[in-house]
C-alpha atoms as a PDB file:
ATOM      1  CA  MET A   1      59.437  15.070-127.653  1.00  0.00           C
ATOM      2  CA  THR A   2      60.770  11.610-128.598  1.00  0.00           C
ATOM      3  CA  ARG A   3      57.357  10.073-127.969  1.00  0.00           C
ATOM      4  CA  LEU A   4      55.704  12.753-130.102  1.00  0.00           C
ATOM      5  CA  ASP A   5      58.234  12.268-132.902  1.00  0.00           C
ATOM      6  CA  GLY A   6      57.576   8.528-132.849  1.00  0.00           C
ATOM      7  CA  ARG A   7      53.850   9.103-133.141  1.00  0.00           C
ATOM      8  CA  VAL A   8      54.337  11.460-136.071  1.00  0.00           C
ATOM      9  CA  GLU A   9      56.580   8.971-137.855  1.00  0.00           C
ATOM     10  CA  ARG A  10      54.027   6.180-137.354  1.00  0.00           C
ATOM     11  CA  GLY A  11      51.379   8.475-138.782  1.00  0.00           C
ATOM     12  CA  ASN A  12      53.573   9.226-141.786  1.00  0.00           C
ATOM     13  CA  ARG A  13      54.213   5.529-142.391  1.00  0.00           C
ATOM     14  CA  THR A  14      50.499   4.800-142.197  1.00  0.00           C
ATOM     15  CA  ARG A  15      49.733   7.639-144.598  1.00  0.00           C
ATOM     16  CA  ARG A  16      52.287   6.334-147.099  1.00  0.00           C
ATOM     17  CA  ALA A  17      50.843   2.815-146.844  1.00  0.00           C
ATOM     18  CA  VAL A  18      47.309   4.094-147.376  1.00  0.00           C
ATOM     19  CA  LEU A  19      48.287   6.177-150.390  1.00  0.00           C
ATOM     20  CA  ARG A  20      50.251   3.337-151.954  1.00  0.00           C
ATOM     21  CA  ARG A  21      47.026   1.334-151.848  1.00  0.00           C
ATOM     22  CA  THR A  22      44.734   4.162-152.967  1.00  0.00           C
ATOM     23  CA  VAL A  23      46.699   4.904-156.151  1.00  0.00           C
ATOM     24  CA  ASP A  24      46.489   1.228-157.110  1.00  0.00           C
ATOM     25  CA  ILE A  25      42.752   1.049-156.428  1.00  0.00           C
ATOM     26  CA  ALA A  26      42.012   4.308-158.237  1.00  0.00           C
ATOM     27  CA  SER A  27      44.038   3.325-161.311  1.00  0.00           C
ATOM     28  CA  VAL A  28      41.764   0.298-161.788  1.00  0.00           C
ATOM     29  CA  GLU A  29      38.429   1.267-160.238  1.00  0.00           C
ATOM     30  CA  GLY A  30      38.522   5.059-160.123  1.00  0.00           C
ATOM     31  CA  LEU A  31      38.761   7.596-157.344  1.00  0.00           C
ATOM     32  CA  GLU A  32      35.119   7.061-156.399  1.00  0.00           C
ATOM     33  CA  ALA A  33      36.001   3.516-155.331  1.00  0.00           C
ATOM     34  CA  LEU A  34      38.060   4.874-152.427  1.00  0.00           C
ATOM     35  CA  SER A  35      36.540   4.705-148.966  1.00  0.00           C
ATOM     36  CA  VAL A  36      37.849   4.894-145.420  1.00  0.00           C
ATOM     37  CA  GLY A  37      36.115   1.646-144.497  1.00  0.00           C
ATOM     38  CA  ARG A  38      37.590  -0.301-147.386  1.00  0.00           C
ATOM     39  CA  LEU A  39      41.095   0.950-146.746  1.00  0.00           C
ATOM     40  CA  ALA A  40      40.857   0.275-143.025  1.00  0.00           C
ATOM     41  CA  GLY A  41      39.743  -3.285-143.715  1.00  0.00           C
ATOM     42  CA  GLU A  42      42.339  -4.051-146.377  1.00  0.00           C
ATOM     43  CA  LEU A  43      45.221  -2.534-144.422  1.00  0.00           C
ATOM     44  CA  ARG A  44      44.013  -3.689-141.012  1.00  0.00           C
ATOM     45  CA  LEU A  45      43.774  -0.183-139.628  1.00  0.00           C
ATOM     46  CA  SER A  46      41.087   1.526-137.598  1.00  0.00           C
ATOM     47  CA  LYS A  47      38.553   3.616-139.509  1.00  0.00           C
ATOM     48  CA  SER A  48      39.119   6.476-137.112  1.00  0.00           C
ATOM     49  CA  GLY A  49      42.860   6.288-137.708  1.00  0.00           C
ATOM     50  CA  VAL A  50      42.476   6.465-141.493  1.00  0.00           C
ATOM     51  CA  PHE A  51      39.899   9.246-141.223  1.00  0.00           C
ATOM     52  CA  ALA A  52      42.183  11.237-138.943  1.00  0.00           C
ATOM     53  CA  LEU A  53      44.895  11.197-141.622  1.00  0.00           C
ATOM     54  CA  PHE A  54      42.691  12.702-144.341  1.00  0.00           C
ATOM     55  CA  GLY A  55      39.519  14.124-142.784  1.00  0.00           C
ATOM     56  CA  SER A  56      37.190  13.459-145.711  1.00  0.00           C
ATOM     57  CA  LYS A  57      36.783  11.319-148.801  1.00  0.00           C
ATOM     58  CA  GLU A  58      37.518  14.312-150.993  1.00  0.00           C
ATOM     59  CA  GLU A  59      40.818  14.984-149.237  1.00  0.00           C
ATOM     60  CA  LEU A  60      41.661  11.290-149.587  1.00  0.00           C
ATOM     61  CA  GLN A  61      41.032  11.564-153.323  1.00  0.00           C
ATOM     62  CA  LEU A  62      43.107  14.728-153.600  1.00  0.00           C
ATOM     63  CA  ALA A  63      45.952  13.159-151.651  1.00  0.00           C
ATOM     64  CA  THR A  64      45.772  10.169-154.002  1.00  0.00           C
ATOM     65  CA  VAL A  65      46.098  12.402-157.069  1.00  0.00           C
ATOM     66  CA  ARG A  66      49.095  14.152-155.487  1.00  0.00           C
ATOM     67  CA  GLU A  67      50.733  10.828-154.632  1.00  0.00           C
ATOM     68  CA  ALA A  68      50.236   9.563-158.177  1.00  0.00           C
ATOM     69  CA  GLY A  69      51.852  12.766-159.422  1.00  0.00           C
ATOM     70  CA  ARG A  70      54.820  12.233-157.125  1.00  0.00           C
ATOM     71  CA  ILE A  71      55.316   8.674-158.370  1.00  0.00           C
ATOM     72  CA  PHE A  72      54.949   9.805-161.983  1.00  0.00           C
ATOM     73  CA  ALA A  73      57.583  12.498-161.513  1.00  0.00           C
ATOM     74  CA  GLU A  74      59.920   9.972-159.910  1.00  0.00           C
ATOM     75  CA  ARG A  75      59.525   7.400-162.688  1.00  0.00           C
ATOM     76  CA  VAL A  76      59.197   9.622-165.771  1.00  0.00           C
ATOM     77  CA  VAL A  77      59.924  13.317-165.327  1.00  0.00           C
ATOM     78  CA  ARG A  78      63.129  13.380-163.315  1.00  0.00           C
ATOM     79  CA  PRO A  79      64.929  10.598-165.249  1.00  0.00           C
ATOM     80  CA  ALA A  80      64.111  12.356-168.534  1.00  0.00           C
ATOM     81  CA  GLU A  81      65.662  15.570-167.240  1.00  0.00           C
ATOM     82  CA  GLU A  82      68.989  13.772-166.917  1.00  0.00           C
ATOM     83  CA  THR A  83      69.222  13.704-170.724  1.00  0.00           C
ATOM     84  CA  PRO A  84      70.525  16.903-172.371  1.00  0.00           C
ATOM     85  CA  ALA A  85      67.893  19.113-173.998  1.00  0.00           C
ATOM     86  CA  GLY A  86      67.189  18.149-177.595  1.00  0.00           C
ATOM     87  CA  ILE A  87      65.565  15.359-179.554  1.00  0.00           C
ATOM     88  CA  GLY A  88      67.240  12.860-177.232  1.00  0.00           C
ATOM     89  CA  ARG A  89      65.356  14.245-174.249  1.00  0.00           C
ATOM     90  CA  VAL A  90      62.057  14.274-176.154  1.00  0.00           C
ATOM     91  CA  TRP A  91      62.573  10.642-177.075  1.00  0.00           C
ATOM     92  CA  ARG A  92      63.649   9.715-173.560  1.00  0.00           C
ATOM     93  CA  LEU A  93      60.562  11.352-172.067  1.00  0.00           C
ATOM     94  CA  CYS A  94      58.285   9.391-174.388  1.00  0.00           C
ATOM     95  CA  GLU A  95      60.167   6.130-173.797  1.00  0.00           C
ATOM     96  CA  LEU A  96      59.919   6.563-170.039  1.00  0.00           C
ATOM     97  CA  TRP A  97      56.192   7.268-170.278  1.00  0.00           C
ATOM     98  CA  LEU A  98      55.586   4.192-172.402  1.00  0.00           C
ATOM     99  CA  GLU A  99      57.623   2.072-169.982  1.00  0.00           C
ATOM    100  CA  TYR A 100      55.686   3.566-167.059  1.00  0.00           C
ATOM    101  CA  SER A 101      52.504   2.340-168.715  1.00  0.00           C
ATOM    102  CA  ARG A 102      53.883  -0.963-170.023  1.00  0.00           C
ATOM    103  CA  GLY A 103      55.522  -1.824-166.701  1.00  0.00           C
ATOM    104  CA  ARG A 104      52.243  -1.180-164.846  1.00  0.00           C
ATOM    105  CA  VAL A 105      53.667   1.193-162.270  1.00  0.00           C
ATOM    106  CA  PHE A 106      49.945   1.446-161.543  1.00  0.00           C
ATOM    107  CA  PRO A 107      48.013  -1.785-162.187  1.00  0.00           C
ATOM    108  CA  GLY A 108      45.432   0.024-164.301  1.00  0.00           C
ATOM    109  CA  GLY A 109      48.044   1.502-166.630  1.00  0.00           C
ATOM    110  CA  CYS A 110      48.467   5.272-166.637  1.00  0.00           C
ATOM    111  CA  PHE A 111      46.813   6.555-163.464  1.00  0.00           C
ATOM    112  CA  PHE A 112      45.884   9.890-165.000  1.00  0.00           C
ATOM    113  CA  TYR A 113      44.374   8.469-168.193  1.00  0.00           C
ATOM    114  CA  GLY A 114      41.757   6.694-166.085  1.00  0.00           C
ATOM    115  CA  VAL A 115      40.906   9.481-163.658  1.00  0.00           C
ATOM    116  CA  ILE A 116      40.689  12.064-166.449  1.00  0.00           C
ATOM    117  CA  ALA A 117      37.924   9.984-168.026  1.00  0.00           C
ATOM    118  CA  GLU A 118      36.261   9.680-164.609  1.00  0.00           C
ATOM    119  CA  TYR A 119      36.318  13.394-163.808  1.00  0.00           C
ATOM    120  CA  ASP A 120      36.399  15.187-167.162  1.00  0.00           C
ATOM    121  CA  ALA A 121      32.740  16.310-167.048  1.00  0.00           C
ATOM    122  CA  ARG A 122      32.556  16.991-163.302  1.00  0.00           C
ATOM    123  CA  THR A 123      33.294  20.058-161.246  1.00  0.00           C
ATOM    124  CA  GLY A 124      34.998  20.589-157.915  1.00  0.00           C
ATOM    125  CA  PRO A 125      38.433  20.318-156.305  1.00  0.00           C
ATOM    126  CA  VAL A 126      39.179  16.777-157.522  1.00  0.00           C
ATOM    127  CA  HIS A 127      38.309  17.719-161.101  1.00  0.00           C
ATOM    128  CA  ASP A 128      40.547  20.772-160.774  1.00  0.00           C
ATOM    129  CA  ALA A 129      43.437  18.645-159.466  1.00  0.00           C
ATOM    130  CA  VAL A 130      43.088  16.272-162.413  1.00  0.00           C
ATOM    131  CA  VAL A 131      42.984  19.212-164.836  1.00  0.00           C
ATOM    132  CA  HIS A 132      46.152  20.604-163.257  1.00  0.00           C
ATOM    133  CA  ALA A 133      47.933  17.255-163.683  1.00  0.00           C
ATOM    134  CA  GLN A 134      46.886  16.985-167.329  1.00  0.00           C
ATOM    135  CA  ARG A 135      47.966  20.539-168.110  1.00  0.00           C
ATOM    136  CA  TYR A 136      51.288  19.961-166.374  1.00  0.00           C
ATOM    137  CA  TRP A 137      52.014  16.906-168.530  1.00  0.00           C
ATOM    138  CA  THR A 138      51.021  18.630-171.768  1.00  0.00           C
ATOM    139  CA  ALA A 139      53.113  21.680-170.883  1.00  0.00           C
ATOM    140  CA  LEU A 140      56.079  19.467-170.039  1.00  0.00           C
ATOM    141  CA  VAL A 141      55.930  17.693-173.400  1.00  0.00           C
ATOM    142  CA  GLU A 142      55.575  21.026-175.206  1.00  0.00           C
ATOM    143  CA  ARG A 143      58.474  22.562-173.287  1.00  0.00           C
ATOM    144  CA  THR A 144      60.708  19.572-174.000  1.00  0.00           C
ATOM    145  CA  ILE A 145      59.935  19.812-177.709  1.00  0.00           C
ATOM    146  CA  ASP A 146      60.478  23.576-177.685  1.00  0.00           C
ATOM    147  CA  GLU A 147      63.863  23.075-176.036  1.00  0.00           C
ATOM    148  CA  ALA A 148      64.815  20.738-178.892  1.00  0.00           C
ATOM    149  CA  ARG A 149      63.743  23.394-181.379  1.00  0.00           C
ATOM    150  CA  THR A 150      65.745  26.064-179.532  1.00  0.00           C
ATOM    151  CA  ALA A 151      68.755  23.718-179.533  1.00  0.00           C
ATOM    152  CA  GLY A 152      68.568  23.661-183.325  1.00  0.00           C
ATOM    153  CA  GLU A 153      67.581  19.999-183.589  1.00  0.00           C
ATOM    154  CA  LEU A 154      63.984  20.581-184.724  1.00  0.00           C
ATOM    155  CA  ARG A 155      63.033  22.860-187.606  1.00  0.00           C
ATOM    156  CA  PRO A 156      62.286  26.468-186.623  1.00  0.00           C
ATOM    157  CA  ASP A 157      58.783  26.185-188.107  1.00  0.00           C
ATOM    158  CA  THR A 158      57.881  23.150-185.943  1.00  0.00           C
ATOM    159  CA  ASP A 159      54.350  23.499-184.581  1.00  0.00           C
ATOM    160  CA  VAL A 160      55.196  22.589-180.984  1.00  0.00           C
ATOM    161  CA  PRO A 161      51.634  22.228-179.587  1.00  0.00           C
ATOM    162  CA  GLN A 162      50.581  20.112-182.571  1.00  0.00           C
ATOM    163  CA  LEU A 163      53.587  17.808-182.315  1.00  0.00           C
ATOM    164  CA  ALA A 164      53.074  17.445-178.559  1.00  0.00           C
ATOM    165  CA  PHE A 165      49.385  16.655-179.089  1.00  0.00           C
ATOM    166  CA  GLU A 166      50.157  13.913-181.595  1.00  0.00           C
ATOM    167  CA  MET A 167      52.863  12.346-179.459  1.00  0.00           C
ATOM    168  CA  VAL A 168      50.679  12.332-176.335  1.00  0.00           C
ATOM    169  CA  ALA A 169      47.835  10.849-178.386  1.00  0.00           C
ATOM    170  CA  LEU A 170      50.084   7.990-179.523  1.00  0.00           C
ATOM    171  CA  MET A 171      51.204   7.283-175.962  1.00  0.00           C
ATOM    172  CA  GLU A 172      47.719   7.396-174.485  1.00  0.00           C
ATOM    173  CA  THR A 173      46.295   5.191-177.236  1.00  0.00           C
ATOM    174  CA  ALA A 174      49.009   2.616-176.583  1.00  0.00           C
ATOM    175  CA  ASN A 175      48.144   2.693-172.892  1.00  0.00           C
ATOM    176  CA  ALA A 176      44.401   2.310-173.479  1.00  0.00           C
ATOM    177  CA  VAL A 177      44.675  -0.511-176.010  1.00  0.00           C
ATOM    178  CA  SER A 178      47.285  -2.375-173.969  1.00  0.00           C
ATOM    179  CA  VAL A 179      45.182  -2.257-170.806  1.00  0.00           C
ATOM    180  CA  LEU A 180      42.023  -3.248-172.673  1.00  0.00           C
ATOM    181  CA  HIS A 181      43.521  -6.167-174.596  1.00  0.00           C
ATOM    182  CA  ASP A 182      46.453  -7.052-172.321  1.00  0.00           C
ATOM    183  CA  GLU A 183      48.960  -6.810-175.153  1.00  0.00           C
ATOM    184  CA  GLU A 184      52.276  -5.027-175.610  1.00  0.00           C
ATOM    185  CA  VAL A 185      52.720  -4.686-179.388  1.00  0.00           C
ATOM    186  CA  VAL A 186      50.921  -1.326-179.250  1.00  0.00           C
ATOM    187  CA  TYR A 187      53.860   0.198-177.382  1.00  0.00           C
ATOM    188  CA  ARG A 188      56.115  -0.532-180.322  1.00  0.00           C
ATOM    189  CA  ARG A 189      53.543   1.008-182.652  1.00  0.00           C
ATOM    190  CA  ALA A 190      53.549   4.140-180.521  1.00  0.00           C
ATOM    191  CA  ARG A 191      57.360   4.295-180.594  1.00  0.00           C
ATOM    192  CA  VAL A 192      57.368   3.894-184.392  1.00  0.00           C
ATOM    193  CA  GLY A 193      54.837   6.707-184.725  1.00  0.00           C
ATOM    194  CA  ILE A 194      56.723   9.033-182.380  1.00  0.00           C
ATOM    195  CA  ALA A 195      60.032   8.350-184.141  1.00  0.00           C
ATOM    196  CA  ALA A 196      58.400   9.110-187.511  1.00  0.00           C
ATOM    197  CA  ARG A 197      57.033  12.430-186.279  1.00  0.00           C
ATOM    198  CA  LEU A 198      60.426  13.394-184.854  1.00  0.00           C
ATOM    199  CA  ARG A 199      62.187  12.476-188.105  1.00  0.00           C
ATOM    200  CA  GLY A 200      59.706  14.608-190.002  1.00  0.00           C
ATOM    201  CA  ALA A 201      60.415  17.605-187.771  1.00  0.00           C
ATOM    202  CA  ALA A 202      64.165  17.130-187.299  1.00  0.00           C
ATOM    203  CA  VAL A 203      66.744  19.367-188.923  1.00  0.00           C
ATOM    204  CA  ASP A 204      68.667  17.562-191.672  1.00  0.00           C
ATOM    205  CA  GLY A 205      71.605  15.655-190.273  1.00  0.00           C
ATOM    206  CA  VAL A 206      70.267  15.464-186.711  1.00  0.00           C
ATOM    207  CA  PRO A 207      69.959  11.803-185.681  1.00  0.00           C
ATOM    208  CA  VAL A 208      66.637  10.499-184.382  1.00  0.00           C
ATOM    209  CA  PRO A 209      66.608   7.393-182.160  1.00  0.00           C
ATOM    210  CA  ARG A 210      65.310   4.203-183.777  1.00  0.00           C
ATOM    211  CA  ALA A 211      62.040   2.749-182.580  1.00  0.00           C
ATOM    212  CA  ASP A 212      63.228  -0.874-182.525  1.00  0.00           C
END
């Protein structure tokens, strides 16, 4: 049993090492750039060993999307949930997302921004996994805004889906322009825009965090 447990743990360590590399590759080059041979060579593993962990290129891609989602939740979602529901949590969620992009948690910026563009017009399990991730993020932003409205900090007539759409658009534009031009001023522009939209929707007297 001890020998078996040791083998399983080694397999788990190898899987984590492979996925740490695949999310980095995919964020820059796309999920199609992943291959068993490349990963085996870069990580000095056997091809058969890498293949045994995933079974196919498609499963490797799916595992990469899941790993990126886990990292995203760890860096953005869970820390935001530590802030009480309201405008403060909305702002914190956006700030964490912008820092996730600015800090290059993935070297290509937001992992999901890139793979959505890669798979938006395709079909199949990988496309479906990317769609699920995008819908999850949109729903999370909408829910966080709705919680602020329920808490009485946003006006009752706030169009939650519209506000969420505009805020996500500002964040994703900042990510795209920053990656393309290797500049950071766009993150401040996104924060200014998000703060302005929150001020416009906030109930009178409710403070909105400053963008600077």
